[in-house]
Amino acid sequence: MVDHGADLGIKVEIVKRSPDDVGFVPQAKRWVSEQVNGILMLHRRLVRDYEALPANAESRVYWAISANLSRRLTKESTPTWRGA
């Protein structure tokens, strides 16, 4: 994984869990990626891998991120398409 990232020009840092930690302890950079994945999983089409083409799946991710950002910008507590 590190070699693949280096080939693409991406710096990959492996964060290891401390053996002294008990239970859930947020890790340095891993928490950010887990939070993003958790937000994306709120969208129905991204929970399962329905798409046949990677480009279709990528467009669904862009759609979910756009929906999340527009909800934050308009300060809506729930998506408007679900009804109030």
PDB file of N, CA and C in Angstrom:
ATOM      1  N   MET A   1       0.829  -1.181   0.000  1.00  0.00           N
ATOM      2  CA  MET A   1       0.000   0.000   0.000  1.00  0.00           C
ATOM      3  C   MET A   1       0.881   1.256   0.000  1.00  0.00           C
ATOM      4  N   VAL A   2       1.926   1.253   0.783  1.00  0.00           N
ATOM      5  CA  VAL A   2       2.823   2.405   0.838  1.00  0.00           C
ATOM      6  C   VAL A   2       3.532   2.590  -0.495  1.00  0.00           C
ATOM      7  N   ASP A   3       3.957   1.499  -1.108  1.00  0.00           N
ATOM      8  CA  ASP A   3       4.632   1.587  -2.407  1.00  0.00           C
ATOM      9  C   ASP A   3       3.684   2.110  -3.482  1.00  0.00           C
ATOM     10  N   HIS A   4       2.438   1.650  -3.447  1.00  0.00           N
ATOM     11  CA  HIS A   4       1.455   2.101  -4.429  1.00  0.00           C
ATOM     12  C   HIS A   4       1.217   3.604  -4.284  1.00  0.00           C
ATOM     13  N   GLY A   5       1.101   4.086  -3.044  1.00  0.00           N
ATOM     14  CA  GLY A   5       0.922   5.513  -2.805  1.00  0.00           C
ATOM     15  C   GLY A   5       2.124   6.314  -3.279  1.00  0.00           C
ATOM     16  N   ALA A   6       3.324   5.783  -3.034  1.00  0.00           N
ATOM     17  CA  ALA A   6       4.545   6.472  -3.465  1.00  0.00           C
ATOM     18  C   ALA A   6       4.607   6.559  -4.991  1.00  0.00           C
ATOM     19  N   ASP A   7       4.146   5.520  -5.678  1.00  0.00           N
ATOM     20  CA  ASP A   7       4.125   5.545  -7.142  1.00  0.00           C
ATOM     21  C   ASP A   7       3.193   6.637  -7.670  1.00  0.00           C
ATOM     22  N   LEU A   8       2.122   6.918  -6.910  1.00  0.00           N
ATOM     23  CA  LEU A   8       1.161   7.945  -7.319  1.00  0.00           C
ATOM     24  C   LEU A   8       1.518   9.324  -6.789  1.00  0.00           C
ATOM     25  N   GLY A   9       2.597   9.413  -6.020  1.00  0.00           N
ATOM     26  CA  GLY A   9       3.008  10.698  -5.464  1.00  0.00           C
ATOM     27  C   GLY A   9       2.259  11.075  -4.206  1.00  0.00           C
ATOM     28  N   ILE A  10       1.706  10.078  -3.511  1.00  0.00           N
ATOM     29  CA  ILE A  10       0.946  10.310  -2.283  1.00  0.00           C
ATOM     30  C   ILE A  10       1.758   9.822  -1.102  1.00  0.00           C
ATOM     31  N   LYS A  11       1.859  10.646  -0.081  1.00  0.00           N
ATOM     32  CA  LYS A  11       2.562  10.246   1.131  1.00  0.00           C
ATOM     33  C   LYS A  11       1.614   9.416   1.993  1.00  0.00           C
ATOM     34  N   VAL A  12       2.001   8.198   2.290  1.00  0.00           N
ATOM     35  CA  VAL A  12       1.185   7.301   3.097  1.00  0.00           C
ATOM     36  C   VAL A  12       1.836   7.150   4.458  1.00  0.00           C
ATOM     37  N   GLU A  13       1.061   7.427   5.491  1.00  0.00           N
ATOM     38  CA  GLU A  13       1.557   7.299   6.859  1.00  0.00           C
ATOM     39  C   GLU A  13       0.724   6.237   7.564  1.00  0.00           C
ATOM     40  N   ILE A  14       1.378   5.254   8.132  1.00  0.00           N
ATOM     41  CA  ILE A  14       0.689   4.187   8.837  1.00  0.00           C
ATOM     42  C   ILE A  14       0.598   4.565  10.309  1.00  0.00           C
ATOM     43  N   VAL A  15      -0.638   4.664  10.807  1.00  0.00           N
ATOM     44  CA  VAL A  15      -0.870   5.017  12.200  1.00  0.00           C
ATOM     45  C   VAL A  15      -1.209   3.738  12.950  1.00  0.00           C
ATOM     46  N   LYS A  16      -0.397   3.401  13.929  1.00  0.00           N
ATOM     47  CA  LYS A  16      -0.624   2.173  14.693  1.00  0.00           C
ATOM     48  C   LYS A  16      -1.300   2.493  16.012  1.00  0.00           C
ATOM     49  N   ARG A  17      -2.131   1.605  16.424  1.00  0.00           N
ATOM     50  CA  ARG A  17      -2.847   1.737  17.693  1.00  0.00           C
ATOM     51  C   ARG A  17      -1.906   1.436  18.845  1.00  0.00           C
ATOM     52  N   SER A  18      -2.006   2.223  19.899  1.00  0.00           N
ATOM     53  CA  SER A  18      -1.190   2.005  21.083  1.00  0.00           C
ATOM     54  C   SER A  18      -1.704   0.779  21.825  1.00  0.00           C
ATOM     55  N   PRO A  19      -0.824  -0.117  22.279  1.00  0.00           N
ATOM     56  CA  PRO A  19      -1.295  -1.304  22.999  1.00  0.00           C
ATOM     57  C   PRO A  19      -1.914  -0.966  24.355  1.00  0.00           C
ATOM     58  N   ASP A  20      -1.667   0.234  24.861  1.00  0.00           N
ATOM     59  CA  ASP A  20      -2.222   0.628  26.156  1.00  0.00           C
ATOM     60  C   ASP A  20      -3.666   1.106  26.053  1.00  0.00           C
ATOM     61  N   ASP A  21      -4.140   1.416  24.851  1.00  0.00           N
ATOM     62  CA  ASP A  21      -5.492   1.928  24.672  1.00  0.00           C
ATOM     63  C   ASP A  21      -6.516   0.817  24.848  1.00  0.00           C
ATOM     64  N   VAL A  22      -7.596   1.153  25.552  1.00  0.00           N
ATOM     65  CA  VAL A  22      -8.689   0.214  25.764  1.00  0.00           C
ATOM     66  C   VAL A  22      -9.955   0.858  25.211  1.00  0.00           C
ATOM     67  N   GLY A  23     -10.738   0.105  24.440  1.00  0.00           N
ATOM     68  CA  GLY A  23     -11.968   0.635  23.875  1.00  0.00           C
ATOM     69  C   GLY A  23     -11.690   1.511  22.664  1.00  0.00           C
ATOM     70  N   PHE A  24     -12.653   2.398  22.381  1.00  0.00           N
ATOM     71  CA  PHE A  24     -12.523   3.264  21.201  1.00  0.00           C
ATOM     72  C   PHE A  24     -11.659   4.468  21.529  1.00  0.00           C
ATOM     73  N   VAL A  25     -10.605   4.649  20.760  1.00  0.00           N
ATOM     74  CA  VAL A  25      -9.735   5.817  20.878  1.00  0.00           C
ATOM     75  C   VAL A  25      -9.483   6.332  19.466  1.00  0.00           C
ATOM     76  N   PRO A  26      -9.913   7.577  19.166  1.00  0.00           N
ATOM     77  CA  PRO A  26      -9.677   8.108  17.817  1.00  0.00           C
ATOM     78  C   PRO A  26      -8.187   8.187  17.510  1.00  0.00           C
ATOM     79  N   GLN A  27      -7.826   7.738  16.318  1.00  0.00           N
ATOM     80  CA  GLN A  27      -6.434   7.813  15.874  1.00  0.00           C
ATOM     81  C   GLN A  27      -6.238   9.103  15.078  1.00  0.00           C
ATOM     82  N   ALA A  28      -5.011   9.503  14.911  1.00  0.00           N
ATOM     83  CA  ALA A  28      -4.691  10.812  14.338  1.00  0.00           C
ATOM     84  C   ALA A  28      -5.424  11.111  13.033  1.00  0.00           C
ATOM     85  N   LYS A  29      -5.066  10.519  11.937  1.00  0.00           N
ATOM     86  CA  LYS A  29      -5.665  10.821  10.638  1.00  0.00           C
ATOM     87  C   LYS A  29      -6.775   9.848  10.278  1.00  0.00           C
ATOM     88  N   ARG A  30      -6.784   8.701  10.897  1.00  0.00           N
ATOM     89  CA  ARG A  30      -7.787   7.692  10.568  1.00  0.00           C
ATOM     90  C   ARG A  30      -9.183   8.175  10.909  1.00  0.00           C
ATOM     91  N   TRP A  31      -9.323   8.959  11.953  1.00  0.00           N
ATOM     92  CA  TRP A  31     -10.629   9.438  12.377  1.00  0.00           C
ATOM     93  C   TRP A  31     -11.285  10.275  11.283  1.00  0.00           C
ATOM     94  N   VAL A  32     -10.509  11.051  10.564  1.00  0.00           N
ATOM     95  CA  VAL A  32     -11.058  11.896   9.496  1.00  0.00           C
ATOM     96  C   VAL A  32     -11.648  11.031   8.396  1.00  0.00           C
ATOM     97  N   SER A  33     -10.920  10.022   7.964  1.00  0.00           N
ATOM     98  CA  SER A  33     -11.426   9.173   6.884  1.00  0.00           C
ATOM     99  C   SER A  33     -12.635   8.361   7.338  1.00  0.00           C
ATOM    100  N   GLU A  34     -12.656   7.917   8.589  1.00  0.00           N
ATOM    101  CA  GLU A  34     -13.808   7.167   9.086  1.00  0.00           C
ATOM    102  C   GLU A  34     -15.036   8.058   9.190  1.00  0.00           C
ATOM    103  N   GLN A  35     -14.835   9.318   9.542  1.00  0.00           N
ATOM    104  CA  GLN A  35     -15.950  10.247   9.625  1.00  0.00           C
ATOM    105  C   GLN A  35     -16.545  10.500   8.235  1.00  0.00           C
ATOM    106  N   VAL A  36     -15.703  10.668   7.249  1.00  0.00           N
ATOM    107  CA  VAL A  36     -16.180  10.887   5.874  1.00  0.00           C
ATOM    108  C   VAL A  36     -16.942   9.656   5.382  1.00  0.00           C
ATOM    109  N   ASN A  37     -16.402   8.470   5.616  1.00  0.00           N
ATOM    110  CA  ASN A  37     -17.087   7.250   5.196  1.00  0.00           C
ATOM    111  C   ASN A  37     -18.428   7.097   5.907  1.00  0.00           C
ATOM    112  N   GLY A  38     -18.482   7.460   7.185  1.00  0.00           N
ATOM    113  CA  GLY A  38     -19.740   7.385   7.926  1.00  0.00           C
ATOM    114  C   GLY A  38     -20.796   8.323   7.357  1.00  0.00           C
ATOM    115  N   ILE A  39     -20.386   9.534   6.986  1.00  0.00           N
ATOM    116  CA  ILE A  39     -21.322  10.492   6.398  1.00  0.00           C
ATOM    117  C   ILE A  39     -21.810   9.994   5.045  1.00  0.00           C
ATOM    118  N   LEU A  40     -20.906   9.423   4.246  1.00  0.00           N
ATOM    119  CA  LEU A  40     -21.306   8.926   2.930  1.00  0.00           C
ATOM    120  C   LEU A  40     -22.268   7.745   3.043  1.00  0.00           C
ATOM    121  N   MET A  41     -22.146   6.947   4.090  1.00  0.00           N
ATOM    122  CA  MET A  41     -23.013   5.783   4.236  1.00  0.00           C
ATOM    123  C   MET A  41     -24.445   6.159   4.617  1.00  0.00           C
ATOM    124  N   LEU A  42     -24.687   7.432   4.918  1.00  0.00           N
ATOM    125  CA  LEU A  42     -26.057   7.882   5.166  1.00  0.00           C
ATOM    126  C   LEU A  42     -26.870   7.931   3.880  1.00  0.00           C
ATOM    127  N   HIS A  43     -26.200   7.872   2.742  1.00  0.00           N
ATOM    128  CA  HIS A  43     -26.884   7.909   1.456  1.00  0.00           C
ATOM    129  C   HIS A  43     -27.121   6.483   0.970  1.00  0.00           C
ATOM    130  N   ARG A  44     -28.363   6.196   0.655  1.00  0.00           N
ATOM    131  CA  ARG A  44     -28.818   4.844   0.359  1.00  0.00           C
ATOM    132  C   ARG A  44     -28.028   4.156  -0.749  1.00  0.00           C
ATOM    133  N   ARG A  45     -27.706   4.853  -1.814  1.00  0.00           N
ATOM    134  CA  ARG A  45     -27.043   4.211  -2.952  1.00  0.00           C
ATOM    135  C   ARG A  45     -25.592   3.847  -2.654  1.00  0.00           C
ATOM    136  N   LEU A  46     -25.014   4.415  -1.615  1.00  0.00           N
ATOM    137  CA  LEU A  46     -23.616   4.140  -1.312  1.00  0.00           C
ATOM    138  C   LEU A  46     -23.439   3.049  -0.259  1.00  0.00           C
ATOM    139  N   VAL A  47     -24.530   2.595   0.345  1.00  0.00           N
ATOM    140  CA  VAL A  47     -24.424   1.563   1.370  1.00  0.00           C
ATOM    141  C   VAL A  47     -23.990   0.236   0.753  1.00  0.00           C
ATOM    142  N   ARG A  48     -24.531  -0.073  -0.396  1.00  0.00           N
ATOM    143  CA  ARG A  48     -24.156  -1.294  -1.112  1.00  0.00           C
ATOM    144  C   ARG A  48     -23.499  -0.907  -2.432  1.00  0.00           C
ATOM    145  N   ASP A  49     -22.770  -1.838  -2.999  1.00  0.00           N
ATOM    146  CA  ASP A  49     -22.096  -1.580  -4.265  1.00  0.00           C
ATOM    147  C   ASP A  49     -23.027  -1.984  -5.408  1.00  0.00           C
ATOM    148  N   TYR A  50     -23.940  -1.070  -5.770  1.00  0.00           N
ATOM    149  CA  TYR A  50     -24.901  -1.348  -6.826  1.00  0.00           C
ATOM    150  C   TYR A  50     -24.351  -1.063  -8.216  1.00  0.00           C
ATOM    151  N   GLU A  51     -23.395  -0.194  -8.308  1.00  0.00           N
ATOM    152  CA  GLU A  51     -22.959   0.310  -9.605  1.00  0.00           C
ATOM    153  C   GLU A  51     -22.032  -0.678 -10.304  1.00  0.00           C
ATOM    154  N   ALA A  52     -22.202  -0.817 -11.611  1.00  0.00           N
ATOM    155  CA  ALA A  52     -21.372  -1.727 -12.399  1.00  0.00           C
ATOM    156  C   ALA A  52     -20.069  -1.071 -12.829  1.00  0.00           C
ATOM    157  N   LEU A  53     -20.098   0.239 -13.025  1.00  0.00           N
ATOM    158  CA  LEU A  53     -18.924   0.958 -13.493  1.00  0.00           C
ATOM    159  C   LEU A  53     -18.371   1.862 -12.388  1.00  0.00           C
ATOM    160  N   PRO A  54     -17.050   1.936 -12.251  1.00  0.00           N
ATOM    161  CA  PRO A  54     -16.462   2.819 -11.238  1.00  0.00           C
ATOM    162  C   PRO A  54     -16.865   4.288 -11.428  1.00  0.00           C
ATOM    163  N   ALA A  55     -17.051   4.709 -12.665  1.00  0.00           N
ATOM    164  CA  ALA A  55     -17.448   6.096 -12.911  1.00  0.00           C
ATOM    165  C   ALA A  55     -18.831   6.385 -12.326  1.00  0.00           C
ATOM    166  N   ASN A  56     -19.729   5.402 -12.375  1.00  0.00           N
ATOM    167  CA  ASN A  56     -21.059   5.586 -11.793  1.00  0.00           C
ATOM    168  C   ASN A  56     -20.963   5.705 -10.275  1.00  0.00           C
ATOM    169  N   ALA A  57     -20.148   4.859  -9.660  1.00  0.00           N
ATOM    170  CA  ALA A  57     -19.970   4.923  -8.207  1.00  0.00           C
ATOM    171  C   ALA A  57     -19.338   6.259  -7.812  1.00  0.00           C
ATOM    172  N   GLU A  58     -18.390   6.718  -8.595  1.00  0.00           N
ATOM    173  CA  GLU A  58     -17.741   8.004  -8.317  1.00  0.00           C
ATOM    174  C   GLU A  58     -18.753   9.144  -8.389  1.00  0.00           C
ATOM    175  N   SER A  59     -19.646   9.099  -9.364  1.00  0.00           N
ATOM    176  CA  SER A  59     -20.648  10.155  -9.481  1.00  0.00           C
ATOM    177  C   SER A  59     -21.593  10.142  -8.287  1.00  0.00           C
ATOM    178  N   ARG A  60     -21.894   8.967  -7.750  1.00  0.00           N
ATOM    179  CA  ARG A  60     -22.750   8.875  -6.556  1.00  0.00           C
ATOM    180  C   ARG A  60     -22.063   9.485  -5.336  1.00  0.00           C
ATOM    181  N   VAL A  61     -20.752   9.306  -5.234  1.00  0.00           N
ATOM    182  CA  VAL A  61     -19.999   9.911  -4.130  1.00  0.00           C
ATOM    183  C   VAL A  61     -20.038  11.431  -4.256  1.00  0.00           C
ATOM    184  N   TYR A  62     -19.852  11.951  -5.468  1.00  0.00           N
ATOM    185  CA  TYR A  62     -19.937  13.395  -5.674  1.00  0.00           C
ATOM    186  C   TYR A  62     -21.326  13.916  -5.333  1.00  0.00           C
ATOM    187  N   TRP A  63     -22.346  13.154  -5.686  1.00  0.00           N
ATOM    188  CA  TRP A  63     -23.718  13.533  -5.385  1.00  0.00           C
ATOM    189  C   TRP A  63     -23.930  13.595  -3.875  1.00  0.00           C
ATOM    190  N   ALA A  64     -23.437  12.603  -3.161  1.00  0.00           N
ATOM    191  CA  ALA A  64     -23.610  12.566  -1.709  1.00  0.00           C
ATOM    192  C   ALA A  64     -22.858  13.716  -1.034  1.00  0.00           C
ATOM    193  N   ILE A  65     -21.645  13.993  -1.494  1.00  0.00           N
ATOM    194  CA  ILE A  65     -20.865  15.089  -0.916  1.00  0.00           C
ATOM    195  C   ILE A  65     -21.549  16.425  -1.208  1.00  0.00           C
ATOM    196  N   SER A  66     -22.066  16.589  -2.421  1.00  0.00           N
ATOM    197  CA  SER A  66     -22.768  17.826  -2.766  1.00  0.00           C
ATOM    198  C   SER A  66     -24.017  18.003  -1.912  1.00  0.00           C
ATOM    199  N   ALA A  67     -24.751  16.935  -1.701  1.00  0.00           N
ATOM    200  CA  ALA A  67     -25.948  17.012  -0.865  1.00  0.00           C
ATOM    201  C   ALA A  67     -25.586  17.388   0.570  1.00  0.00           C
ATOM    202  N   ASN A  68     -24.514  16.811   1.080  1.00  0.00           N
ATOM    203  CA  ASN A  68     -24.087  17.110   2.443  1.00  0.00           C
ATOM    204  C   ASN A  68     -23.635  18.569   2.570  1.00  0.00           C
ATOM    205  N   LEU A  69     -22.846  19.040   1.606  1.00  0.00           N
ATOM    206  CA  LEU A  69     -22.376  20.422   1.656  1.00  0.00           C
ATOM    207  C   LEU A  69     -23.524  21.415   1.514  1.00  0.00           C
ATOM    208  N   SER A  70     -24.468  21.140   0.627  1.00  0.00           N
ATOM    209  CA  SER A  70     -25.597  22.057   0.469  1.00  0.00           C
ATOM    210  C   SER A  70     -26.455  22.079   1.729  1.00  0.00           C
ATOM    211  N   ARG A  71     -26.581  20.935   2.404  1.00  0.00           N
ATOM    212  CA  ARG A  71     -27.323  20.895   3.659  1.00  0.00           C
ATOM    213  C   ARG A  71     -26.625  21.728   4.726  1.00  0.00           C
ATOM    214  N   ARG A  72     -25.297  21.656   4.763  1.00  0.00           N
ATOM    215  CA  ARG A  72     -24.549  22.461   5.733  1.00  0.00           C
ATOM    216  C   ARG A  72     -24.640  23.946   5.424  1.00  0.00           C
ATOM    217  N   LEU A  73     -24.553  24.312   4.143  1.00  0.00           N
ATOM    218  CA  LEU A  73     -24.602  25.719   3.768  1.00  0.00           C
ATOM    219  C   LEU A  73     -25.964  26.344   4.031  1.00  0.00           C
ATOM    220  N   THR A  74     -27.032  25.585   3.834  1.00  0.00           N
ATOM    221  CA  THR A  74     -28.379  26.109   4.057  1.00  0.00           C
ATOM    222  C   THR A  74     -28.833  25.922   5.494  1.00  0.00           C
ATOM    223  N   LYS A  75     -28.010  25.262   6.295  1.00  0.00           N
ATOM    224  CA  LYS A  75     -28.300  25.014   7.706  1.00  0.00           C
ATOM    225  C   LYS A  75     -29.601  24.227   7.915  1.00  0.00           C
ATOM    226  N   GLU A  76     -29.899  23.346   6.969  1.00  0.00           N
ATOM    227  CA  GLU A  76     -31.045  22.449   7.110  1.00  0.00           C
ATOM    228  C   GLU A  76     -30.657  21.317   8.047  1.00  0.00           C
ATOM    229  N   SER A  77     -31.514  20.971   8.976  1.00  0.00           N
ATOM    230  CA  SER A  77     -31.187  19.883   9.893  1.00  0.00           C
ATOM    231  C   SER A  77     -31.458  18.518   9.273  1.00  0.00           C
ATOM    232  N   THR A  78     -32.420  18.449   8.367  1.00  0.00           N
ATOM    233  CA  THR A  78     -32.697  17.208   7.650  1.00  0.00           C
ATOM    234  C   THR A  78     -32.750  17.521   6.159  1.00  0.00           C
ATOM    235  N   PRO A  79     -32.416  16.566   5.308  1.00  0.00           N
ATOM    236  CA  PRO A  79     -32.527  16.806   3.874  1.00  0.00           C
ATOM    237  C   PRO A  79     -33.964  17.152   3.494  1.00  0.00           C
ATOM    238  N   THR A  80     -34.145  18.153   2.658  1.00  0.00           N
ATOM    239  CA  THR A  80     -35.475  18.636   2.322  1.00  0.00           C
ATOM    240  C   THR A  80     -36.281  17.626   1.507  1.00  0.00           C
ATOM    241  N   TRP A  81     -35.637  16.701   0.811  1.00  0.00           N
ATOM    242  CA  TRP A  81     -36.362  15.739   0.006  1.00  0.00           C
ATOM    243  C   TRP A  81     -37.035  14.666   0.862  1.00  0.00           C
ATOM    244  N   ARG A  82     -36.734  14.603   2.149  1.00  0.00           N
ATOM    245  CA  ARG A  82     -37.407  13.638   3.035  1.00  0.00           C
ATOM    246  C   ARG A  82     -38.656  14.232   3.661  1.00  0.00           C
ATOM    247  N   GLY A  83     -38.837  15.500   3.556  1.00  0.00           N
ATOM    248  CA  GLY A  83     -39.997  16.150   4.175  1.00  0.00           C
ATOM    249  C   GLY A  83     -39.666  16.576   5.589  1.00  0.00           C
ATOM    250  N   ALA A  84     -40.381  17.530   6.078  1.00  0.00           N
ATOM    251  CA  ALA A  84     -40.078  18.079   7.416  1.00  0.00           C
ATOM    252  C   ALA A  84     -40.844  17.402   8.503  1.00  0.00           C
TER     253      ALA A  84
END
